Amino acid sequence: MSQGGTISPINPLPPVVAALFLVILGIEVVVSLGSRGVIGGPQAVGWRLLLMQNYAFSGDIFDWMLQQGRWPAQHVIRFFSFPFIHASFTHALFAGVILLAMGKMTAERFGAIAMLAIFVLSGAGGALAYALLLNDPVPLVGAFPNVYGLIGAFTFMLWRSLSTIGANQARAFTLIGFLMGFQLLFGLLFGAQNDWVADLAGFATGFVLSFVLAPGGWSGLRGRIRRD
């Protein structure tokens, strides 16, 4: 609201959403400018590769940690650092746009802390599924598993609202169905990538977390458990 009681035409972003967006795009802008020789000198051309080597999620490294029973922090951090590294500026921009849309709705309905928890844990859940279900040496990068987790939270909100009016709750999954169908078509046309497994797992993680993190979700879940 502006002075005088008039409604502002701009609906501000929650700070946590704006901060995540700025970090993702900020890193990508620096890396992109470095790859073009605009900043950083000759060594900046390799910044993206260096970030991937140090911070991308690697299924091979996860397998090694699992086999050895060792979990060094420099590799565990990859569960949480890979969303901030992208393959290209377009890759980062698309993830950022979905983050702005879904993150805003989630933060406004769930609260900033819950939204951040869904974002972080959905990415980790997507990476874990990528490692356990596949044997892909290609490292996982990009915030798509995380933003798919926010789509999962949005789907939960729609699913719950449909239940209150007695409508078909399956309609809540229209968006994720469209997105996965689009990814399948894109893969058939331009070559499939296995990162869709992480995206789908991120969605499922966000949806399940919403049972606890949505307003009234934890108390409602305890009530259902007690009734059962």
Protein backbone atom coordinates (compact mmCIF):
# COMPACT_ATOMS: atom_id res chain seq x y z
CA MET A 1 0.00 0.00 0.00
CA SER A 2 1.26 3.49 -0.84
CA GLN A 3 0.58 6.67 1.08
CA GLY A 4 -3.02 7.81 0.95
CA GLY A 5 -4.36 4.23 0.94
CA THR A 6 -3.95 3.60 -2.79
CA ILE A 7 -2.87 0.16 -3.94
CA SER A 8 0.63 -0.12 -5.36
CA PRO A 9 0.69 -1.53 -8.92
CA ILE A 10 3.85 -3.45 -8.00
CA ASN A 11 3.49 -6.52 -5.82
CA PRO A 12 6.93 -6.82 -4.18
CA LEU A 13 8.79 -10.10 -4.08
CA PRO A 14 9.45 -11.77 -0.72
CA PRO A 15 13.09 -10.99 0.20
CA VAL A 16 14.12 -14.66 0.30
CA VAL A 17 12.92 -15.18 -3.28
CA ALA A 18 14.66 -12.02 -4.51
CA ALA A 19 17.88 -13.04 -2.74
CA LEU A 20 17.92 -16.53 -4.29
CA PHE A 21 17.21 -15.10 -7.73
CA LEU A 22 20.00 -12.52 -7.42
CA VAL A 23 22.52 -15.13 -6.27
CA ILE A 24 21.67 -17.50 -9.14
CA LEU A 25 21.70 -14.81 -11.81
CA GLY A 26 24.65 -13.00 -10.26
CA ILE A 27 26.86 -16.08 -10.41
CA GLU A 28 25.76 -16.78 -13.98
CA VAL A 29 26.41 -13.21 -15.12
CA VAL A 30 29.94 -13.28 -13.69
CA VAL A 31 30.68 -16.69 -15.25
CA SER A 32 29.21 -15.65 -18.62
CA LEU A 33 31.18 -12.42 -18.71
CA GLY A 34 34.32 -14.32 -17.77
CA SER A 35 33.80 -16.88 -20.55
CA ARG A 36 33.60 -13.99 -23.03
CA GLY A 37 36.80 -12.42 -21.75
CA VAL A 38 35.02 -9.31 -20.48
CA ILE A 39 36.26 -9.78 -16.91
CA GLY A 40 38.84 -11.89 -15.12
CA GLY A 41 41.45 -12.21 -17.83
CA PRO A 42 42.33 -15.38 -19.78
CA GLN A 43 41.83 -17.70 -16.80
CA ALA A 44 38.17 -16.63 -16.50
CA VAL A 45 37.30 -18.74 -19.55
CA GLY A 46 37.52 -21.80 -17.32
CA TRP A 47 35.45 -20.47 -14.41
CA ARG A 48 32.34 -22.48 -15.32
CA LEU A 49 34.30 -25.72 -15.59
CA LEU A 50 36.06 -24.97 -12.30
CA LEU A 51 32.75 -24.40 -10.53
CA MET A 52 31.36 -27.64 -11.93
CA GLN A 53 34.41 -29.59 -10.79
CA ASN A 54 34.17 -28.23 -7.25
CA TYR A 55 30.46 -27.70 -6.63
CA ALA A 56 28.33 -29.70 -9.11
CA PHE A 57 26.62 -32.81 -7.77
CA SER A 58 28.36 -35.97 -8.92
CA GLY A 59 26.74 -39.39 -8.79
CA ASP A 60 30.20 -40.97 -9.02
CA ILE A 61 31.43 -39.06 -5.97
CA PHE A 62 28.25 -39.98 -4.09
CA ASP A 63 28.82 -43.67 -4.93
CA TRP A 64 32.39 -43.36 -3.62
CA MET A 65 31.22 -41.77 -0.36
CA LEU A 66 28.57 -44.46 0.07
CA GLN A 67 31.03 -47.28 -0.55
CA GLN A 68 33.74 -45.83 1.68
CA GLY A 69 31.40 -44.69 4.43
CA ARG A 70 33.12 -41.31 4.36
CA TRP A 71 31.26 -38.02 3.95
CA PRO A 72 33.77 -35.16 3.61
CA ALA A 73 32.16 -31.73 3.81
CA GLN A 74 33.72 -30.64 0.52
CA HIS A 75 31.59 -33.25 -1.27
CA VAL A 76 28.47 -33.24 0.92
CA ILE A 77 28.14 -29.53 0.15
CA ARG A 78 27.48 -30.50 -3.47
CA PHE A 79 23.91 -31.47 -2.47
CA PHE A 80 23.31 -27.78 -1.76
CA SER A 81 25.70 -25.96 -4.10
CA PHE A 82 24.77 -27.48 -7.48
CA PRO A 83 21.58 -25.35 -7.88
CA PHE A 84 23.70 -22.21 -8.14
CA ILE A 85 25.75 -23.45 -11.11
CA HIS A 86 24.21 -23.64 -14.57
CA ALA A 87 25.23 -24.91 -17.97
CA SER A 88 24.43 -21.62 -19.72
CA PHE A 89 22.84 -18.22 -19.20
CA THR A 90 19.56 -19.48 -20.73
CA HIS A 91 19.57 -22.44 -18.34
CA ALA A 92 19.95 -20.07 -15.37
CA LEU A 93 17.38 -17.59 -16.70
CA PHE A 94 14.62 -20.20 -17.12
CA ALA A 95 15.26 -21.55 -13.62
CA GLY A 96 15.22 -18.01 -12.26
CA VAL A 97 11.90 -17.17 -13.90
CA ILE A 98 10.22 -20.25 -12.40
CA LEU A 99 11.79 -19.41 -9.05
CA LEU A 100 10.28 -15.92 -9.13
CA ALA A 101 6.80 -17.20 -9.94
CA MET A 102 6.61 -20.28 -7.74
CA GLY A 103 8.80 -18.93 -4.98
CA LYS A 104 6.60 -15.86 -4.57
CA MET A 105 3.42 -17.91 -4.23
CA THR A 106 5.03 -20.40 -1.86
CA ALA A 107 6.63 -17.77 0.37
CA GLU A 108 3.38 -15.80 0.61
CA ARG A 109 1.33 -18.87 1.54
CA PHE A 110 3.84 -20.92 3.54
CA GLY A 111 6.19 -18.24 4.88
CA ALA A 112 9.77 -17.42 3.98
CA ILE A 113 11.43 -20.09 6.15
CA ALA A 114 9.19 -22.88 4.87
CA MET A 115 9.69 -21.75 1.27
CA LEU A 116 13.48 -21.77 1.73
CA ALA A 117 13.34 -25.23 3.34
CA ILE A 118 11.34 -26.60 0.40
CA PHE A 119 13.76 -25.03 -2.09
CA VAL A 120 16.87 -26.44 -0.37
CA LEU A 121 15.53 -29.89 0.53
CA SER A 122 13.88 -30.45 -2.87
CA GLY A 123 17.24 -29.92 -4.55
CA ALA A 124 18.91 -32.35 -2.16
CA GLY A 125 16.12 -34.88 -2.70
CA GLY A 126 16.45 -34.55 -6.46
CA ALA A 127 20.22 -35.07 -6.27
CA LEU A 128 19.80 -38.12 -4.05
CA ALA A 129 17.37 -39.71 -6.51
CA TYR A 130 19.72 -38.85 -9.39
CA ALA A 131 22.52 -40.73 -7.63
CA LEU A 132 20.52 -43.72 -6.40
CA LEU A 133 18.35 -44.38 -9.46
CA LEU A 134 20.90 -43.72 -12.19
CA ASN A 135 24.49 -44.51 -12.98
CA ASP A 136 25.11 -41.32 -14.92
CA PRO A 137 28.63 -39.83 -14.91
CA VAL A 138 27.28 -36.46 -16.07
CA PRO A 139 27.27 -34.03 -13.11
CA LEU A 140 23.99 -32.47 -12.02
CA VAL A 141 23.81 -28.68 -12.16
CA GLY A 142 21.07 -26.07 -12.13
CA ALA A 143 18.19 -25.07 -9.86
CA PHE A 144 15.49 -27.01 -11.70
CA PRO A 145 15.11 -29.77 -9.06
CA ASN A 146 14.68 -27.00 -6.48
CA VAL A 147 12.12 -25.00 -8.44
CA TYR A 148 10.28 -28.21 -9.28
CA GLY A 149 10.03 -28.64 -5.51
CA LEU A 150 8.30 -25.25 -5.39
CA ILE A 151 5.98 -26.48 -8.14
CA GLY A 152 5.29 -29.43 -5.85
CA ALA A 153 4.32 -27.00 -3.07
CA PHE A 154 2.07 -25.09 -5.48
CA THR A 155 0.49 -28.38 -6.56
CA PHE A 156 -0.15 -29.23 -2.92
CA MET A 157 -1.90 -25.88 -2.39
CA LEU A 158 -4.09 -26.48 -5.44
CA TRP A 159 -4.71 -30.12 -4.47
CA ARG A 160 -5.86 -29.09 -0.99
CA SER A 161 -8.05 -26.25 -2.27
CA LEU A 162 -9.75 -28.59 -4.76
CA SER A 163 -10.53 -31.00 -1.93
CA THR A 164 -12.37 -28.28 0.00
CA ILE A 165 -14.81 -27.72 -2.86
CA GLY A 166 -15.19 -31.40 -3.72
CA ALA A 167 -13.53 -31.05 -7.13
CA ASN A 168 -11.34 -33.63 -8.84
CA GLN A 169 -7.99 -33.33 -7.06
CA ALA A 170 -6.15 -34.94 -9.98
CA ARG A 171 -6.50 -31.59 -11.78
CA ALA A 172 -3.84 -30.22 -9.42
CA PHE A 173 -1.22 -32.28 -11.26
CA THR A 174 -1.92 -30.74 -14.66
CA LEU A 175 1.09 -28.40 -14.49
CA ILE A 176 3.65 -31.07 -13.61
CA GLY A 177 2.15 -33.34 -16.27
CA PHE A 178 2.55 -30.63 -18.89
CA LEU A 179 6.13 -29.86 -17.84
CA MET A 180 7.23 -33.49 -17.85
CA GLY A 181 5.53 -34.01 -21.20
CA PHE A 182 7.37 -31.00 -22.58
CA GLN A 183 10.67 -32.37 -21.27
CA LEU A 184 9.95 -35.72 -22.92
CA LEU A 185 9.21 -34.05 -26.25
CA PHE A 186 12.30 -31.86 -25.98
CA GLY A 187 14.40 -34.94 -25.21
CA LEU A 188 13.05 -36.82 -28.22
CA LEU A 189 13.81 -33.89 -30.51
CA PHE A 190 17.19 -32.76 -29.17
CA GLY A 191 18.53 -35.68 -27.13
CA ALA A 192 17.37 -36.90 -23.75
CA GLN A 193 19.04 -35.86 -20.52
CA ASN A 194 18.68 -37.83 -17.31
CA ASP A 195 18.28 -34.74 -15.15
CA TRP A 196 14.49 -35.13 -15.48
CA VAL A 197 14.81 -37.79 -12.76
CA ALA A 198 16.15 -35.16 -10.36
CA ASP A 199 13.42 -32.71 -11.44
CA LEU A 200 10.63 -35.21 -10.79
CA ALA A 201 12.15 -36.23 -7.46
CA GLY A 202 12.43 -32.56 -6.51
CA PHE A 203 8.74 -32.12 -7.30
CA ALA A 204 7.82 -35.14 -5.17
CA THR A 205 9.99 -33.87 -2.31
CA GLY A 206 8.33 -30.45 -2.38
CA PHE A 207 4.86 -31.97 -2.48
CA VAL A 208 5.52 -34.31 0.46
CA LEU A 209 7.21 -31.60 2.53
CA SER A 210 4.13 -29.43 2.10
CA PHE A 211 2.13 -31.82 4.28
CA VAL A 212 4.30 -30.63 7.16
CA LEU A 213 5.39 -27.13 6.14
CA ALA A 214 2.09 -25.74 4.83
CA PRO A 215 0.14 -23.59 7.32
CA GLY A 216 -1.68 -26.01 9.61
CA GLY A 217 -0.03 -28.92 7.86
CA TRP A 218 1.77 -30.43 10.85
CA SER A 219 -1.23 -30.21 13.19
CA GLY A 220 -3.50 -31.60 10.48
CA LEU A 221 -1.12 -34.49 9.83
CA ARG A 222 -0.98 -35.34 13.55
CA GLY A 223 -4.77 -35.25 13.70
CA ARG A 224 -5.09 -37.69 10.80
CA ILE A 225 -2.53 -40.03 12.37
CA ARG A 226 -4.41 -40.02 15.67
CA ARG A 227 -7.74 -40.73 13.95
CA ASP A 228 -6.19 -43.64 12.10
